[in-house]
Protein backbone atom coordinates (compact mmCIF):
# COMPACT_ATOMS: atom_id res chain seq x y z
CA MET A 1 24.19 8.63 -1.45
CA TRP A 2 25.37 5.75 0.80
CA ARG A 3 25.31 8.29 3.55
CA PHE A 4 21.72 9.23 2.74
CA ILE A 5 20.80 5.44 2.87
CA GLY A 6 22.34 4.92 5.99
CA PHE A 7 20.76 7.97 7.69
CA ARG A 8 17.23 6.95 6.34
CA THR A 9 17.60 3.55 7.65
CA LEU A 10 18.69 4.97 11.22
CA GLN A 11 15.52 7.11 10.83
CA ALA A 12 13.19 4.03 10.24
CA ILE A 13 14.36 2.24 13.51
CA PRO A 14 12.42 4.55 15.83
CA VAL A 15 9.41 4.69 13.38
CA ILE A 16 9.08 0.95 13.39
CA PHE A 17 9.76 0.75 17.47
CA ALA A 18 6.85 3.42 17.85
CA VAL A 19 4.72 1.29 15.67
CA ILE A 20 5.30 -1.76 17.72
CA THR A 21 4.87 -0.01 21.00
CA ILE A 22 1.78 2.02 20.31
CA THR A 23 -0.08 -1.11 18.45
CA PHE A 24 0.96 -3.42 21.37
CA PHE A 25 -0.84 -1.46 24.05
CA LEU A 26 -3.67 -0.39 22.00
CA VAL A 27 -4.83 -3.76 20.99
CA ARG A 28 -4.73 -4.78 24.71
CA ALA A 29 -6.69 -1.66 25.73
CA ALA A 30 -9.67 -2.71 23.64
CA PRO A 31 -12.41 -4.24 25.37
CA GLY A 32 -12.37 -8.03 25.81
CA GLY A 33 -9.71 -10.51 24.87
CA PRO A 34 -8.75 -13.44 22.57
CA PHE A 35 -10.66 -15.99 24.72
CA SER A 36 -13.37 -13.88 26.02
CA SER A 37 -15.84 -15.00 23.14
CA GLU A 38 -15.41 -18.63 24.34
CA LYS A 39 -18.31 -18.96 26.40
CA ALA A 40 -18.27 -22.82 26.76
CA VAL A 41 -14.67 -22.61 28.28
CA SER A 42 -14.45 -22.78 32.12
CA GLU A 43 -12.45 -20.26 33.86
CA GLN A 44 -10.00 -22.67 34.71
CA VAL A 45 -9.37 -23.60 31.01
CA LYS A 46 -9.49 -19.94 30.09
CA ALA A 47 -6.55 -19.20 33.01
CA ALA A 48 -4.48 -22.22 31.20
CA LEU A 49 -4.85 -20.47 27.66
CA GLU A 50 -3.83 -17.19 28.99
CA ALA A 51 -1.04 -18.80 30.71
CA GLN A 52 0.05 -20.53 27.88
CA PHE A 53 0.16 -17.45 25.61
CA GLN A 54 1.86 -15.18 28.45
CA LEU A 55 -1.42 -13.14 28.80
CA ASP A 56 -1.25 -13.76 32.52
CA LEU A 57 2.01 -11.55 32.82
CA PRO A 58 2.01 -8.05 33.35
CA PRO A 59 1.61 -5.61 30.43
CA HIS A 60 5.34 -4.79 30.32
CA GLU A 61 6.58 -8.39 30.80
CA GLN A 62 4.43 -9.18 27.83
CA TYR A 63 5.80 -6.24 25.87
CA LEU A 64 9.43 -7.29 26.58
CA ALA A 65 8.76 -10.93 25.69
CA TYR A 66 7.20 -9.86 22.32
CA LEU A 67 10.09 -7.66 21.61
CA THR A 68 12.70 -10.61 22.39
CA ASP A 69 10.68 -13.03 19.90
CA LEU A 70 10.42 -10.01 17.22
CA ILE A 71 14.11 -9.52 17.16
CA LYS A 72 14.39 -13.01 16.31
CA GLY A 73 12.00 -12.65 13.47
CA ASP A 74 9.04 -14.60 15.36
CA PHE A 75 5.80 -12.85 15.41
CA GLY A 76 4.47 -15.51 17.89
CA PRO A 77 1.57 -17.87 17.55
CA SER A 78 -1.99 -17.05 16.38
CA PHE A 79 -4.64 -17.11 18.79
CA ASN A 80 -7.49 -17.48 16.42
CA PHE A 81 -5.68 -20.40 14.28
CA PRO A 82 -4.38 -22.84 16.94
CA GLY A 83 -1.37 -24.59 15.88
CA ARG A 84 -0.23 -22.01 13.40
CA SER A 85 2.21 -19.17 13.68
CA VAL A 86 1.75 -15.47 12.38
CA ASN A 87 4.63 -15.90 10.19
CA GLU A 88 3.05 -18.71 8.56
CA LEU A 89 -0.30 -16.91 8.08
CA ILE A 90 1.29 -13.76 6.72
CA PHE A 91 3.56 -15.62 4.19
CA GLN A 92 0.29 -17.39 3.19
CA GLY A 93 -1.79 -14.70 2.35
CA LEU A 94 0.99 -12.20 1.18
CA PRO A 95 1.40 -13.60 -2.44
CA VAL A 96 -2.24 -12.99 -3.39
CA THR A 97 -2.03 -9.49 -1.68
CA ALA A 98 1.07 -8.69 -3.28
CA GLU A 99 -0.30 -9.69 -6.67
CA LEU A 100 -3.33 -7.87 -6.36
CA GLY A 101 -1.19 -4.78 -5.35
CA PHE A 102 0.97 -5.18 -8.38
CA TYR A 103 -1.98 -5.13 -10.75
CA ALA A 104 -3.44 -2.29 -9.10
CA LEU A 105 -0.21 -0.42 -9.18
CA LEU A 106 0.36 -1.43 -12.84
CA ILE A 107 -3.02 0.09 -13.88
CA ALA A 108 -2.36 3.25 -11.60
CA VAL A 109 0.95 4.02 -13.31
CA VAL A 110 -0.31 3.40 -16.90
CA VAL A 111 -3.55 5.32 -16.54
CA GLY A 112 -2.33 7.90 -14.55
CA THR A 113 0.69 8.76 -16.10
CA LEU A 114 -0.78 8.83 -19.48
CA SER A 115 -3.73 10.98 -18.19
CA GLY A 116 -1.24 13.31 -16.59
CA VAL A 117 0.99 13.71 -19.62
CA ILE A 118 -1.83 14.19 -22.17
CA ALA A 119 -3.43 16.87 -19.75
CA SER A 120 -0.30 18.84 -19.47
CA LEU A 121 0.24 19.16 -23.17
CA LYS A 122 -2.63 21.50 -23.39
CA PRO A 123 -3.38 22.95 -20.23
CA ASN A 124 -6.89 24.66 -19.24
CA SER A 125 -8.32 22.95 -22.30
CA LEU A 126 -10.84 20.07 -22.61
CA GLN A 127 -7.90 17.86 -23.13
CA ASP A 128 -6.70 19.13 -19.49
CA TYR A 129 -10.23 19.26 -17.73
CA ILE A 130 -11.58 15.82 -18.72
CA PRO A 131 -8.94 13.58 -17.64
CA MET A 132 -8.47 15.87 -14.40
CA SER A 133 -12.15 15.72 -13.69
CA PHE A 134 -11.96 11.76 -13.85
CA ALA A 135 -8.99 12.17 -11.47
CA MET A 136 -11.05 13.99 -9.01
CA VAL A 137 -13.75 11.34 -9.17
CA GLY A 138 -11.22 8.71 -8.47
CA ILE A 139 -9.75 10.65 -5.52
CA CYS A 140 -13.14 11.31 -3.90
CA MET A 141 -14.64 7.85 -4.25
CA PRO A 142 -13.69 5.35 -1.78
CA SER A 143 -13.00 1.70 -2.81
CA PHE A 144 -15.80 0.43 -0.76
CA LEU A 145 -18.19 2.21 -2.90
CA LEU A 146 -16.47 1.99 -6.32
CA GLY A 147 -16.13 -1.86 -5.97
CA PRO A 148 -19.98 -2.51 -5.54
CA THR A 149 -20.63 -0.04 -8.29
CA LEU A 150 -18.40 -1.80 -10.61
CA VAL A 151 -19.74 -5.16 -9.69
CA LEU A 152 -23.18 -3.76 -10.21
CA VAL A 153 -22.36 -2.40 -13.81
CA PHE A 154 -19.89 -5.04 -15.34
CA SER A 155 -21.07 -8.08 -13.41
CA ILE A 156 -24.67 -8.03 -12.69
CA TRP A 157 -26.28 -5.52 -15.44
CA LEU A 158 -23.62 -6.48 -18.29
CA GLY A 159 -22.39 -9.93 -17.32
CA TRP A 160 -18.96 -9.42 -18.59
CA LEU A 161 -16.97 -10.09 -15.29
CA PRO A 162 -17.17 -12.33 -12.36
CA VAL A 163 -18.64 -10.90 -9.20
CA SER A 164 -15.78 -12.31 -7.05
CA GLY A 165 -13.14 -14.68 -6.46
CA TRP A 166 -9.53 -14.97 -7.46
CA GLY A 167 -7.71 -17.04 -10.00
CA SER A 168 -10.71 -19.56 -10.49
CA ILE A 169 -12.39 -17.75 -13.64
CA PRO A 170 -10.56 -15.71 -16.38
CA GLY A 171 -11.08 -12.00 -15.70
CA ASP A 172 -11.88 -12.30 -12.08
CA LYS A 173 -8.76 -10.11 -11.32
CA ILE A 174 -9.96 -7.33 -13.25
CA LEU A 175 -12.46 -5.41 -10.99
CA PRO A 176 -10.59 -5.79 -7.78
CA SER A 177 -7.50 -4.36 -9.56
CA ILE A 178 -9.25 -1.57 -11.01
CA THR A 179 -11.05 -0.82 -7.63
CA LEU A 180 -7.74 -0.74 -5.50
CA GLY A 181 -5.83 1.08 -8.28
CA ALA A 182 -8.38 3.81 -9.30
CA MET A 183 -7.50 6.26 -6.62
CA TYR A 184 -3.72 5.79 -6.94
CA ALA A 185 -4.34 6.41 -10.88
CA ALA A 186 -5.87 9.78 -9.86
CA TYR A 187 -3.18 10.92 -7.50
CA ILE A 188 -0.56 9.96 -10.14
CA ALA A 189 -2.36 11.82 -13.04
CA ARG A 190 -2.15 14.78 -10.81
CA LEU A 191 1.40 14.57 -10.08
CA SER A 192 2.43 13.69 -13.46
CA ARG A 193 0.55 16.74 -14.78
CA ALA A 194 1.93 19.15 -12.36
CA GLY A 195 5.48 17.66 -12.86
CA MET A 196 5.42 17.94 -16.57
CA LEU A 197 4.03 21.42 -16.58
CA GLU A 198 6.83 22.61 -14.40
CA VAL A 199 9.40 20.76 -16.82
CA LEU A 200 7.69 21.92 -19.97
CA SER A 201 8.48 25.63 -19.20
CA GLN A 202 12.10 25.14 -18.48
CA ASP A 203 14.77 26.73 -20.84
CA TYR A 204 16.49 23.63 -21.95
CA LEU A 205 13.22 22.30 -23.72
CA ARG A 206 12.81 25.74 -25.31
CA THR A 207 16.43 25.20 -26.70
CA ALA A 208 15.59 21.76 -27.89
CA ARG A 209 12.67 23.08 -29.80
CA ALA A 210 14.78 26.01 -31.32
CA LYS A 211 16.98 23.33 -32.62
CA GLY A 212 14.39 21.72 -34.60
CA LEU A 213 13.76 18.60 -32.48
CA PRO A 214 10.40 17.27 -33.05
CA GLU A 215 7.99 17.59 -30.27
CA TYR A 216 7.56 14.03 -29.63
CA LYS A 217 11.34 13.63 -29.04
CA VAL A 218 11.31 16.69 -26.74
CA ILE A 219 8.47 15.03 -24.57
CA ILE A 220 9.78 11.50 -24.54
CA LYS A 221 13.59 12.03 -24.53
CA HIS A 222 13.76 15.26 -22.28
CA ALA A 223 10.43 16.16 -20.52
CA LEU A 224 9.52 12.80 -19.22
CA ARG A 225 12.58 12.06 -17.20
CA GLY A 226 12.24 15.27 -15.09
CA GLY A 227 8.33 15.57 -15.27
CA LEU A 228 7.86 12.20 -13.73
CA ILE A 229 10.18 12.39 -10.70
CA PRO A 230 7.27 13.17 -8.46
CA VAL A 231 5.46 9.92 -9.70
CA VAL A 232 8.50 7.93 -9.05
CA ALA A 233 8.92 9.48 -5.29
CA PHE A 234 5.13 8.44 -4.93
CA LEU A 235 5.70 4.92 -6.26
CA GLY A 236 7.23 3.43 -2.90
CA PRO A 237 4.64 4.52 -0.60
CA ALA A 238 1.99 4.04 -3.02
CA PHE A 239 2.70 0.33 -3.51
CA ALA A 240 3.01 -0.18 0.23
CA GLY A 241 -0.43 1.72 0.62
CA LEU A 242 -1.70 -0.81 -2.19
CA LEU A 243 -0.79 -3.55 0.11
CA SER A 244 -2.07 -2.22 3.28
CA GLY A 245 -5.08 -0.78 1.82
CA SER A 246 -6.25 -3.89 -0.05
CA PHE A 247 -8.02 -5.26 2.81
CA VAL A 248 -11.25 -3.46 2.07
CA VAL A 249 -11.19 -4.85 -1.68
CA GLU A 250 -10.20 -8.35 -0.73
CA THR A 251 -13.27 -8.17 1.62
CA VAL A 252 -15.78 -6.90 -1.11
CA PHE A 253 -14.36 -9.39 -3.85
CA GLN A 254 -13.64 -12.22 -1.43
CA VAL A 255 -9.82 -12.36 -2.48
CA PRO A 256 -8.02 -14.84 -0.18
CA GLY A 257 -5.07 -12.49 0.93
CA LEU A 258 -3.51 -11.22 4.10
CA GLY A 259 -6.74 -8.82 4.67
CA ARG A 260 -8.85 -11.88 5.45
CA PHE A 261 -6.54 -13.03 8.25
CA TYR A 262 -6.28 -9.33 9.49
CA ILE A 263 -9.75 -8.79 9.68
CA GLN A 264 -10.63 -11.98 11.25
CA ALA A 265 -7.92 -11.13 13.87
CA ALA A 266 -9.49 -7.90 14.32
CA PHE A 267 -13.05 -9.43 15.33
CA ASN A 268 -11.53 -12.22 17.29
CA ARG A 269 -8.82 -9.94 19.21
CA ASP A 270 -5.99 -12.04 17.71
CA TYR A 271 -3.14 -9.78 19.46
CA THR A 272 -0.18 -11.37 17.68
CA MET A 273 -1.80 -11.56 14.38
CA ILE A 274 -2.84 -7.87 14.37
CA LEU A 275 0.59 -6.82 15.87
CA GLY A 276 2.60 -9.16 13.27
CA THR A 277 0.51 -7.87 10.25
CA THR A 278 0.86 -4.19 11.51
CA VAL A 279 4.65 -4.41 11.99
CA PHE A 280 5.21 -6.18 8.74
CA LEU A 281 3.42 -3.66 6.60
CA ALA A 282 4.85 -0.88 8.44
CA THR A 283 8.37 -2.03 7.63
CA LEU A 284 7.26 -2.50 3.93
CA ILE A 285 6.29 1.12 4.05
CA VAL A 286 9.32 2.29 5.17
CA LEU A 287 11.32 0.24 2.95
CA PHE A 288 9.43 1.38 -0.30
CA ASN A 289 9.84 4.89 0.83
CA LEU A 290 13.50 4.46 1.14
CA LEU A 291 13.61 2.97 -2.32
CA SER A 292 11.42 5.39 -4.03
CA ASP A 293 13.65 8.28 -2.50
CA VAL A 294 16.86 6.46 -3.87
CA LEU A 295 15.28 6.25 -7.17
CA ALA A 296 14.17 9.76 -7.29
CA ALA A 297 17.73 11.02 -6.28
CA TRP A 298 19.01 8.49 -9.29
CA LEU A 299 16.84 10.39 -11.79
CA ASN A 300 17.70 13.89 -10.31
CA PRO A 301 21.18 14.84 -10.48
CA ARG A 302 20.58 17.83 -8.09
CA LEU A 303 19.13 15.64 -5.37
CA ARG A 304 22.31 13.52 -5.86
CA TYR A 305 24.58 16.54 -5.24
CA GLN A 306 22.74 17.42 -2.25
CA PHE A 307 23.00 14.00 -0.77
CA ARG A 308 26.96 14.01 -1.36
CA LYS A 309 27.26 17.32 0.64
């Protein structure tokens, strides 16, 4: 197992390095610059600003300087927020984004797992077709369409929930969490259904039933552990995807998370903020992928045996 963890960690290094390199040169290839919109600034002042942030250096020297700071854990100063570092902005918005991602993942796991398990117990019946139909709707409907639809129904027509905000009114976290978690709940429902169908046909479950074990014990005690392995393997990248995919939801519901800074950085060509957020989220994705693989190996003895070989 430790050999597997070490191998996957070594694999992550070139992935993150590639993300840094590609993002660094792509943001600089985009038209405009961080100070191009400052029409009232003279050319002399603009040149002084570029010299202050090392934008007057050749691209390869800027790249090497950025890598040097990044090794020290410094994402650099923000161009759009003078006097504030990218590290400070990331850790200011991250708690709200992480809280939103946690609620969305909780909804996705509970709703998706229950739907998939229920559907697997009676395949090719209404008990199967109904939850899987809703799962397909969740997969096909993007969050920028689902969010306004939920606001229209539950906030404007029914008046049950607030339109936007975060933390100021009870219930204002419900709609953003549902909007963000709906697609992942649909994926988890399909994964849990497929995993349960495969496990329910195994010989050891037939043996358990033949010994007179009640059906609910067969499902809960024996089938769930093997049937939910695909879901466990999906949870790591799902949570990382929820963090990075929450930017649209944060914009729709005016959630003061990391997405607010990232979108402003994209509009204002804030190179360091774009780079820092991208590298930070890429590292989280790699880390959560590794954790989900380790957890799946812990649940599946065959995978542990393969890792020891």
